[in-house]
Amino acid sequence: METVIQSNKECYVCGQTTNLHSHHVFFGSANRKLSEKYGMKVWLCGAHHNQSNAGVHFNRQLDLRLKMYAQRVFEKQHSREEFMQIFGRNYL
């Protein structure tokens, strides 16, 4: 998995290094492809991905936290306007 958000292969939330899943920060059919294209992905352990209520797919706060951080990373190389054109929304 190629990501611009993380340098180490570990759960973004807890640092676990086993049972890792690749998570597209911006998901849904079109945004999933855009996340892939721009490296807007993180490693998450099963519990923080989709195997518990703490997972990003069930925890709106964690989902928004990831989206906000990913947007900040994106904006280091691009503009906010470009982010909004590509992903359709400002999370900051």
PDB file of N, CA and C in Angstrom:
ATOM      1  N   MET A   1       0.841  -1.179   0.000  1.00  0.00           N
ATOM      2  CA  MET A   1       0.000   0.000   0.000  1.00  0.00           C
ATOM      3  C   MET A   1       0.882   1.236   0.000  1.00  0.00           C
ATOM      4  N   GLU A   2       0.536   2.186  -0.830  1.00  0.00           N
ATOM      5  CA  GLU A   2       1.270   3.447  -0.858  1.00  0.00           C
ATOM      6  C   GLU A   2       0.468   4.504  -0.100  1.00  0.00           C
ATOM      7  N   THR A   3       1.113   5.122   0.889  1.00  0.00           N
ATOM      8  CA  THR A   3       0.470   6.150   1.687  1.00  0.00           C
ATOM      9  C   THR A   3       1.405   7.334   1.868  1.00  0.00           C
ATOM     10  N   VAL A   4       0.854   8.529   1.856  1.00  0.00           N
ATOM     11  CA  VAL A   4       1.647   9.721   2.154  1.00  0.00           C
ATOM     12  C   VAL A   4       1.444  10.148   3.604  1.00  0.00           C
ATOM     13  N   ILE A   5       0.608   9.422   4.320  1.00  0.00           N
ATOM     14  CA  ILE A   5       0.255   9.790   5.691  1.00  0.00           C
ATOM     15  C   ILE A   5       1.170   9.136   6.721  1.00  0.00           C
ATOM     16  N   GLN A   6       1.555   7.896   6.484  1.00  0.00           N
ATOM     17  CA  GLN A   6       2.372   7.150   7.444  1.00  0.00           C
ATOM     18  C   GLN A   6       3.695   6.734   6.828  1.00  0.00           C
ATOM     19  N   SER A   7       4.721   6.672   7.669  1.00  0.00           N
ATOM     20  CA  SER A   7       6.002   6.155   7.198  1.00  0.00           C
ATOM     21  C   SER A   7       6.241   4.732   7.698  1.00  0.00           C
ATOM     22  N   ASN A   8       5.585   4.339   8.789  1.00  0.00           N
ATOM     23  CA  ASN A   8       5.740   2.990   9.341  1.00  0.00           C
ATOM     24  C   ASN A   8       4.478   2.176   9.132  1.00  0.00           C
ATOM     25  N   LYS A   9       4.661   0.878   8.923  1.00  0.00           N
ATOM     26  CA  LYS A   9       3.527  -0.011   8.761  1.00  0.00           C
ATOM     27  C   LYS A   9       3.067  -0.450  10.150  1.00  0.00           C
ATOM     28  N   GLU A  10       2.164   0.367  10.718  1.00  0.00           N
ATOM     29  CA  GLU A  10       1.595   0.095  12.034  1.00  0.00           C
ATOM     30  C   GLU A  10       0.238   0.767  12.105  1.00  0.00           C
ATOM     31  N   CYS A  11      -0.588   0.307  13.029  1.00  0.00           N
ATOM     32  CA  CYS A  11      -1.911   0.902  13.179  1.00  0.00           C
ATOM     33  C   CYS A  11      -1.762   2.393  13.478  1.00  0.00           C
ATOM     34  N   TYR A  12      -2.425   3.214  12.705  1.00  0.00           N
ATOM     35  CA  TYR A  12      -2.369   4.665  12.883  1.00  0.00           C
ATOM     36  C   TYR A  12      -2.839   5.084  14.269  1.00  0.00           C
ATOM     37  N   VAL A  13      -3.746   4.323  14.855  1.00  0.00           N
ATOM     38  CA  VAL A  13      -4.343   4.693  16.142  1.00  0.00           C
ATOM     39  C   VAL A  13      -3.538   4.171  17.327  1.00  0.00           C
ATOM     40  N   CYS A  14      -3.200   2.879  17.314  1.00  0.00           N
ATOM     41  CA  CYS A  14      -2.592   2.270  18.503  1.00  0.00           C
ATOM     42  C   CYS A  14      -1.161   1.780  18.312  1.00  0.00           C
ATOM     43  N   GLY A  15      -0.668   1.760  17.082  1.00  0.00           N
ATOM     44  CA  GLY A  15       0.699   1.340  16.828  1.00  0.00           C
ATOM     45  C   GLY A  15       0.903  -0.156  16.683  1.00  0.00           C
ATOM     46  N   GLN A  16      -0.156  -0.932  16.762  1.00  0.00           N
ATOM     47  CA  GLN A  16      -0.046  -2.388  16.601  1.00  0.00           C
ATOM     48  C   GLN A  16       0.521  -2.704  15.227  1.00  0.00           C
ATOM     49  N   THR A  17       1.299  -3.778  15.146  1.00  0.00           N
ATOM     50  CA  THR A  17       1.937  -4.133  13.874  1.00  0.00           C
ATOM     51  C   THR A  17       1.433  -5.446  13.282  1.00  0.00           C
ATOM     52  N   THR A  18       0.428  -6.053  13.899  1.00  0.00           N
ATOM     53  CA  THR A  18      -0.151  -7.290  13.362  1.00  0.00           C
ATOM     54  C   THR A  18      -1.624  -7.061  13.046  1.00  0.00           C
ATOM     55  N   ASN A  19      -2.171  -7.954  12.212  1.00  0.00           N
ATOM     56  CA  ASN A  19      -3.587  -7.881  11.811  1.00  0.00           C
ATOM     57  C   ASN A  19      -3.909  -6.504  11.225  1.00  0.00           C
ATOM     58  N   LEU A  20      -3.045  -6.013  10.327  1.00  0.00           N
ATOM     59  CA  LEU A  20      -3.239  -4.676   9.761  1.00  0.00           C
ATOM     60  C   LEU A  20      -4.092  -4.713   8.498  1.00  0.00           C
ATOM     61  N   HIS A  21      -4.911  -3.693   8.363  1.00  0.00           N
ATOM     62  CA  HIS A  21      -5.772  -3.511   7.200  1.00  0.00           C
ATOM     63  C   HIS A  21      -5.410  -2.174   6.557  1.00  0.00           C
ATOM     64  N   SER A  22      -5.490  -2.126   5.252  1.00  0.00           N
ATOM     65  CA  SER A  22      -5.302  -0.870   4.516  1.00  0.00           C
ATOM     66  C   SER A  22      -6.648  -0.159   4.470  1.00  0.00           C
ATOM     67  N   HIS A  23      -6.687   1.081   4.942  1.00  0.00           N
ATOM     68  CA  HIS A  23      -7.945   1.846   4.981  1.00  0.00           C
ATOM     69  C   HIS A  23      -7.837   3.077   4.104  1.00  0.00           C
ATOM     70  N   HIS A  24      -8.779   3.236   3.186  1.00  0.00           N
ATOM     71  CA  HIS A  24      -8.887   4.433   2.358  1.00  0.00           C
ATOM     72  C   HIS A  24      -9.582   5.496   3.199  1.00  0.00           C
ATOM     73  N   VAL A  25      -8.893   6.589   3.494  1.00  0.00           N
ATOM     74  CA  VAL A  25      -9.446   7.619   4.367  1.00  0.00           C
ATOM     75  C   VAL A  25     -10.730   8.193   3.783  1.00  0.00           C
ATOM     76  N   PHE A  26     -10.731   8.447   2.491  1.00  0.00           N
ATOM     77  CA  PHE A  26     -11.927   8.942   1.815  1.00  0.00           C
ATOM     78  C   PHE A  26     -12.489   7.770   1.026  1.00  0.00           C
ATOM     79  N   PHE A  27     -13.594   7.210   1.512  1.00  0.00           N
ATOM     80  CA  PHE A  27     -14.122   5.999   0.889  1.00  0.00           C
ATOM     81  C   PHE A  27     -15.427   6.291   0.176  1.00  0.00           C
ATOM     82  N   GLY A  28     -16.007   5.288  -0.388  1.00  0.00           N
ATOM     83  CA  GLY A  28     -17.109   5.435  -1.325  1.00  0.00           C
ATOM     84  C   GLY A  28     -16.507   5.247  -2.707  1.00  0.00           C
ATOM     85  N   SER A  29     -17.289   4.894  -3.666  1.00  0.00           N
ATOM     86  CA  SER A  29     -16.747   4.482  -4.961  1.00  0.00           C
ATOM     87  C   SER A  29     -15.785   5.488  -5.589  1.00  0.00           C
ATOM     88  N   ALA A  30     -16.157   6.731  -5.761  1.00  0.00           N
ATOM     89  CA  ALA A  30     -15.260   7.705  -6.405  1.00  0.00           C
ATOM     90  C   ALA A  30     -14.113   8.102  -5.479  1.00  0.00           C
ATOM     91  N   ASN A  31     -14.415   8.373  -4.221  1.00  0.00           N
ATOM     92  CA  ASN A  31     -13.380   8.826  -3.290  1.00  0.00           C
ATOM     93  C   ASN A  31     -12.365   7.742  -2.969  1.00  0.00           C
ATOM     94  N   ARG A  32     -12.772   6.497  -3.024  1.00  0.00           N
ATOM     95  CA  ARG A  32     -11.837   5.389  -2.790  1.00  0.00           C
ATOM     96  C   ARG A  32     -10.723   5.425  -3.842  1.00  0.00           C
ATOM     97  N   LYS A  33     -11.103   5.643  -5.089  1.00  0.00           N
ATOM     98  CA  LYS A  33     -10.112   5.730  -6.167  1.00  0.00           C
ATOM     99  C   LYS A  33      -9.213   6.949  -5.983  1.00  0.00           C
ATOM    100  N   LEU A  34      -9.797   8.058  -5.533  1.00  0.00           N
ATOM    101  CA  LEU A  34      -9.002   9.262  -5.295  1.00  0.00           C
ATOM    102  C   LEU A  34      -8.047   9.064  -4.119  1.00  0.00           C
ATOM    103  N   SER A  35      -8.511   8.383  -3.079  1.00  0.00           N
ATOM    104  CA  SER A  35      -7.630   8.068  -1.946  1.00  0.00           C
ATOM    105  C   SER A  35      -6.453   7.241  -2.419  1.00  0.00           C
ATOM    106  N   GLU A  36      -6.715   6.305  -3.280  1.00  0.00           N
ATOM    107  CA  GLU A  36      -5.661   5.456  -3.849  1.00  0.00           C
ATOM    108  C   GLU A  36      -4.679   6.316  -4.651  1.00  0.00           C
ATOM    109  N   LYS A  37      -5.205   7.169  -5.510  1.00  0.00           N
ATOM    110  CA  LYS A  37      -4.376   7.997  -6.384  1.00  0.00           C
ATOM    111  C   LYS A  37      -3.460   8.946  -5.600  1.00  0.00           C
ATOM    112  N   TYR A  38      -3.995   9.551  -4.525  1.00  0.00           N
ATOM    113  CA  TYR A  38      -3.233  10.553  -3.782  1.00  0.00           C
ATOM    114  C   TYR A  38      -2.583  10.019  -2.504  1.00  0.00           C
ATOM    115  N   GLY A  39      -2.665   8.706  -2.266  1.00  0.00           N
ATOM    116  CA  GLY A  39      -2.025   8.115  -1.095  1.00  0.00           C
ATOM    117  C   GLY A  39      -2.716   8.445   0.215  1.00  0.00           C
ATOM    118  N   MET A  40      -3.998   8.713   0.155  1.00  0.00           N
ATOM    119  CA  MET A  40      -4.770   9.049   1.350  1.00  0.00           C
ATOM    120  C   MET A  40      -5.272   7.759   2.013  1.00  0.00           C
ATOM    121  N   LYS A  41      -4.323   6.972   2.491  1.00  0.00           N
ATOM    122  CA  LYS A  41      -4.620   5.689   3.123  1.00  0.00           C
ATOM    123  C   LYS A  41      -3.789   5.552   4.390  1.00  0.00           C
ATOM    124  N   VAL A  42      -4.299   4.775   5.321  1.00  0.00           N
ATOM    125  CA  VAL A  42      -3.574   4.495   6.558  1.00  0.00           C
ATOM    126  C   VAL A  42      -3.680   3.009   6.869  1.00  0.00           C
ATOM    127  N   TRP A  43      -2.736   2.546   7.675  1.00  0.00           N
ATOM    128  CA  TRP A  43      -2.804   1.198   8.219  1.00  0.00           C
ATOM    129  C   TRP A  43      -3.606   1.253   9.512  1.00  0.00           C
ATOM    130  N   LEU A  44      -4.528   0.324   9.673  1.00  0.00           N
ATOM    131  CA  LEU A  44      -5.304   0.202  10.901  1.00  0.00           C
ATOM    132  C   LEU A  44      -5.349  -1.262  11.308  1.00  0.00           C
ATOM    133  N   CYS A  45      -5.274  -1.517  12.615  1.00  0.00           N
ATOM    134  CA  CYS A  45      -5.482  -2.887  13.087  1.00  0.00           C
ATOM    135  C   CYS A  45      -6.966  -3.210  12.889  1.00  0.00           C
ATOM    136  N   GLY A  46      -7.312  -4.468  12.959  1.00  0.00           N
ATOM    137  CA  GLY A  46      -8.696  -4.878  12.754  1.00  0.00           C
ATOM    138  C   GLY A  46      -9.673  -4.147  13.662  1.00  0.00           C
ATOM    139  N   ALA A  47      -9.316  -3.995  14.930  1.00  0.00           N
ATOM    140  CA  ALA A  47     -10.205  -3.330  15.887  1.00  0.00           C
ATOM    141  C   ALA A  47     -10.440  -1.875  15.513  1.00  0.00           C
ATOM    142  N   HIS A  48      -9.434  -1.198  14.991  1.00  0.00           N
ATOM    143  CA  HIS A  48      -9.602   0.208  14.640  1.00  0.00           C
ATOM    144  C   HIS A  48     -10.069   0.403  13.198  1.00  0.00           C
ATOM    145  N   HIS A  49     -10.226  -0.708  12.467  1.00  0.00           N
ATOM    146  CA  HIS A  49     -10.746  -0.618  11.108  1.00  0.00           C
ATOM    147  C   HIS A  49     -12.225  -0.980  11.081  1.00  0.00           C
ATOM    148  N   ASN A  50     -12.538  -2.258  11.180  1.00  0.00           N
ATOM    149  CA  ASN A  50     -13.937  -2.667  11.022  1.00  0.00           C
ATOM    150  C   ASN A  50     -14.340  -3.879  11.862  1.00  0.00           C
ATOM    151  N   GLN A  51     -13.545  -4.217  12.882  1.00  0.00           N
ATOM    152  CA  GLN A  51     -13.852  -5.400  13.676  1.00  0.00           C
ATOM    153  C   GLN A  51     -14.339  -5.074  15.088  1.00  0.00           C
ATOM    154  N   SER A  52     -14.621  -3.811  15.373  1.00  0.00           N
ATOM    155  CA  SER A  52     -15.189  -3.429  16.668  1.00  0.00           C
ATOM    156  C   SER A  52     -15.877  -2.079  16.518  1.00  0.00           C
ATOM    157  N   ASN A  53     -16.640  -1.708  17.519  1.00  0.00           N
ATOM    158  CA  ASN A  53     -17.309  -0.401  17.494  1.00  0.00           C
ATOM    159  C   ASN A  53     -16.313   0.755  17.551  1.00  0.00           C
ATOM    160  N   ALA A  54     -15.076   0.488  17.962  1.00  0.00           N
ATOM    161  CA  ALA A  54     -14.037   1.519  17.987  1.00  0.00           C
ATOM    162  C   ALA A  54     -13.459   1.760  16.591  1.00  0.00           C
ATOM    163  N   GLY A  55     -13.811   0.906  15.639  1.00  0.00           N
ATOM    164  CA  GLY A  55     -13.271   1.009  14.289  1.00  0.00           C
ATOM    165  C   GLY A  55     -13.764   2.225  13.538  1.00  0.00           C
ATOM    166  N   VAL A  56     -12.968   2.672  12.607  1.00  0.00           N
ATOM    167  CA  VAL A  56     -13.245   3.886  11.844  1.00  0.00           C
ATOM    168  C   VAL A  56     -14.571   3.810  11.086  1.00  0.00           C
ATOM    169  N   HIS A  57     -14.997   2.614  10.706  1.00  0.00           N
ATOM    170  CA  HIS A  57     -16.262   2.482   9.977  1.00  0.00           C
ATOM    171  C   HIS A  57     -17.481   2.607  10.885  1.00  0.00           C
ATOM    172  N   PHE A  58     -17.266   2.602  12.194  1.00  0.00           N
ATOM    173  CA  PHE A  58     -18.371   2.717  13.151  1.00  0.00           C
ATOM    174  C   PHE A  58     -18.203   3.905  14.090  1.00  0.00           C
ATOM    175  N   ASN A  59     -17.050   4.511  14.117  1.00  0.00           N
ATOM    176  CA  ASN A  59     -16.717   5.593  15.045  1.00  0.00           C
ATOM    177  C   ASN A  59     -16.536   6.884  14.245  1.00  0.00           C
ATOM    178  N   ARG A  60     -17.558   7.728  14.249  1.00  0.00           N
ATOM    179  CA  ARG A  60     -17.541   8.953  13.440  1.00  0.00           C
ATOM    180  C   ARG A  60     -16.416   9.899  13.852  1.00  0.00           C
ATOM    181  N   GLN A  61     -16.135   9.979  15.140  1.00  0.00           N
ATOM    182  CA  GLN A  61     -15.049  10.856  15.605  1.00  0.00           C
ATOM    183  C   GLN A  61     -13.708  10.442  15.018  1.00  0.00           C
ATOM    184  N   LEU A  62     -13.421   9.143  15.046  1.00  0.00           N
ATOM    185  CA  LEU A  62     -12.167   8.645  14.476  1.00  0.00           C
ATOM    186  C   LEU A  62     -12.142   8.891  12.972  1.00  0.00           C
ATOM    187  N   ASP A  63     -13.247   8.653  12.305  1.00  0.00           N
ATOM    188  CA  ASP A  63     -13.343   8.891  10.868  1.00  0.00           C
ATOM    189  C   ASP A  63     -13.020  10.348  10.544  1.00  0.00           C
ATOM    190  N   LEU A  64     -13.618  11.277  11.258  1.00  0.00           N
ATOM    191  CA  LEU A  64     -13.365  12.700  11.018  1.00  0.00           C
ATOM    192  C   LEU A  64     -11.933  13.091  11.368  1.00  0.00           C
ATOM    193  N   ARG A  65     -11.396  12.525  12.441  1.00  0.00           N
ATOM    194  CA  ARG A  65     -10.003  12.796  12.819  1.00  0.00           C
ATOM    195  C   ARG A  65      -9.042  12.385  11.708  1.00  0.00           C
ATOM    196  N   LEU A  66      -9.272  11.214  11.126  1.00  0.00           N
ATOM    197  CA  LEU A  66      -8.430  10.751  10.014  1.00  0.00           C
ATOM    198  C   LEU A  66      -8.577  11.652   8.793  1.00  0.00           C
ATOM    199  N   LYS A  67      -9.799  12.025   8.479  1.00  0.00           N
ATOM    200  CA  LYS A  67     -10.036  12.897   7.323  1.00  0.00           C
ATOM    201  C   LYS A  67      -9.369  14.259   7.514  1.00  0.00           C
ATOM    202  N   MET A  68      -9.456  14.815   8.702  1.00  0.00           N
ATOM    203  CA  MET A  68      -8.835  16.104   8.982  1.00  0.00           C
ATOM    204  C   MET A  68      -7.314  16.016   8.834  1.00  0.00           C
ATOM    205  N   TYR A  69      -6.733  14.969   9.397  1.00  0.00           N
ATOM    206  CA  TYR A  69      -5.280  14.819   9.304  1.00  0.00           C
ATOM    207  C   TYR A  69      -4.842  14.605   7.852  1.00  0.00           C
ATOM    208  N   ALA A  70      -5.586  13.769   7.122  1.00  0.00           N
ATOM    209  CA  ALA A  70      -5.254  13.516   5.721  1.00  0.00           C
ATOM    210  C   ALA A  70      -5.327  14.808   4.906  1.00  0.00           C
ATOM    211  N   GLN A  71      -6.315  15.639   5.186  1.00  0.00           N
ATOM    212  CA  GLN A  71      -6.412  16.908   4.471  1.00  0.00           C
ATOM    213  C   GLN A  71      -5.212  17.796   4.782  1.00  0.00           C
ATOM    214  N   ARG A  72      -4.803  17.829   6.040  1.00  0.00           N
ATOM    215  CA  ARG A  72      -3.614  18.630   6.398  1.00  0.00           C
ATOM    216  C   ARG A  72      -2.370  18.144   5.642  1.00  0.00           C
ATOM    217  N   VAL A  73      -2.212  16.832   5.564  1.00  0.00           N
ATOM    218  CA  VAL A  73      -1.072  16.263   4.837  1.00  0.00           C
ATOM    219  C   VAL A  73      -1.160  16.651   3.362  1.00  0.00           C
ATOM    220  N   PHE A  74      -2.332  16.511   2.774  1.00  0.00           N
ATOM    221  CA  PHE A  74      -2.538  16.854   1.368  1.00  0.00           C
ATOM    222  C   PHE A  74      -2.183  18.317   1.116  1.00  0.00           C
ATOM    223  N   GLU A  75      -2.607  19.194   2.038  1.00  0.00           N
ATOM    224  CA  GLU A  75      -2.416  20.629   1.851  1.00  0.00           C
ATOM    225  C   GLU A  75      -0.964  21.079   2.021  1.00  0.00           C
ATOM    226  N   LYS A  76      -0.100  20.208   2.487  1.00  0.00           N
ATOM    227  CA  LYS A  76       1.326  20.546   2.524  1.00  0.00           C
ATOM    228  C   LYS A  76       1.905  20.601   1.115  1.00  0.00           C
ATOM    229  N   GLN A  77       1.303  19.871   0.189  1.00  0.00           N
ATOM    230  CA  GLN A  77       1.776  19.823  -1.193  1.00  0.00           C
ATOM    231  C   GLN A  77       0.816  20.500  -2.173  1.00  0.00           C
ATOM    232  N   HIS A  78      -0.417  20.703  -1.756  1.00  0.00           N
ATOM    233  CA  HIS A  78      -1.466  21.234  -2.629  1.00  0.00           C
ATOM    234  C   HIS A  78      -2.240  22.310  -1.869  1.00  0.00           C
ATOM    235  N   SER A  79      -3.144  22.952  -2.540  1.00  0.00           N
ATOM    236  CA  SER A  79      -3.958  23.992  -1.894  1.00  0.00           C
ATOM    237  C   SER A  79      -5.256  23.407  -1.332  1.00  0.00           C
ATOM    238  N   ARG A  80      -5.885  24.157  -0.448  1.00  0.00           N
ATOM    239  CA  ARG A  80      -7.194  23.764   0.080  1.00  0.00           C
ATOM    240  C   ARG A  80      -8.220  23.735  -1.049  1.00  0.00           C
ATOM    241  N   GLU A  81      -8.129  24.671  -1.952  1.00  0.00           N
ATOM    242  CA  GLU A  81      -9.061  24.710  -3.078  1.00  0.00           C
ATOM    243  C   GLU A  81      -8.942  23.435  -3.913  1.00  0.00           C
ATOM    244  N   GLU A  82      -7.698  22.994  -4.124  1.00  0.00           N
ATOM    245  CA  GLU A  82      -7.497  21.764  -4.887  1.00  0.00           C
ATOM    246  C   GLU A  82      -8.074  20.571  -4.129  1.00  0.00           C
ATOM    247  N   PHE A  83      -7.859  20.527  -2.817  1.00  0.00           N
ATOM    248  CA  PHE A  83      -8.428  19.447  -2.016  1.00  0.00           C
ATOM    249  C   PHE A  83      -9.948  19.413  -2.175  1.00  0.00           C
ATOM    250  N   MET A  84     -10.563  20.573  -2.062  1.00  0.00           N
ATOM    251  CA  MET A  84     -12.020  20.636  -2.146  1.00  0.00           C
ATOM    252  C   MET A  84     -12.523  20.279  -3.547  1.00  0.00           C
ATOM    253  N   GLN A  85     -11.779  20.648  -4.581  1.00  0.00           N
ATOM    254  CA  GLN A  85     -12.160  20.262  -5.939  1.00  0.00           C
ATOM    255  C   GLN A  85     -12.092  18.751  -6.108  1.00  0.00           C
ATOM    256  N   ILE A  86     -11.062  18.145  -5.537  1.00  0.00           N
ATOM    257  CA  ILE A  86     -10.855  16.706  -5.708  1.00  0.00           C
ATOM    258  C   ILE A  86     -11.790  15.898  -4.821  1.00  0.00           C
ATOM    259  N   PHE A  87     -11.842  16.238  -3.519  1.00  0.00           N
ATOM    260  CA  PHE A  87     -12.598  15.423  -2.568  1.00  0.00           C
ATOM    261  C   PHE A  87     -13.984  15.992  -2.243  1.00  0.00           C
ATOM    262  N   GLY A  88     -14.279  17.191  -2.738  1.00  0.00           N
ATOM    263  CA  GLY A  88     -15.626  17.719  -2.647  1.00  0.00           C
ATOM    264  C   GLY A  88     -16.051  18.311  -1.316  1.00  0.00           C
ATOM    265  N   ARG A  89     -15.114  18.434  -0.370  1.00  0.00           N
ATOM    266  CA  ARG A  89     -15.495  18.915   0.944  1.00  0.00           C
ATOM    267  C   ARG A  89     -14.265  19.362   1.720  1.00  0.00           C
ATOM    268  N   ASN A  90     -14.464  20.318   2.617  1.00  0.00           N
ATOM    269  CA  ASN A  90     -13.409  20.768   3.504  1.00  0.00           C
ATOM    270  C   ASN A  90     -13.675  20.183   4.888  1.00  0.00           C
ATOM    271  N   TYR A  91     -12.717  19.443   5.430  1.00  0.00           N
ATOM    272  CA  TYR A  91     -12.890  18.813   6.755  1.00  0.00           C
ATOM    273  C   TYR A  91     -12.258  19.637   7.876  1.00  0.00           C
ATOM    274  N   LEU A  92     -11.597  20.738   7.519  1.00  0.00           N
ATOM    275  CA  LEU A  92     -10.926  21.549   8.534  1.00  0.00           C
ATOM    276  C   LEU A  92     -11.756  22.758   8.941  1.00  0.00           C
TER     277      LEU A  92
END
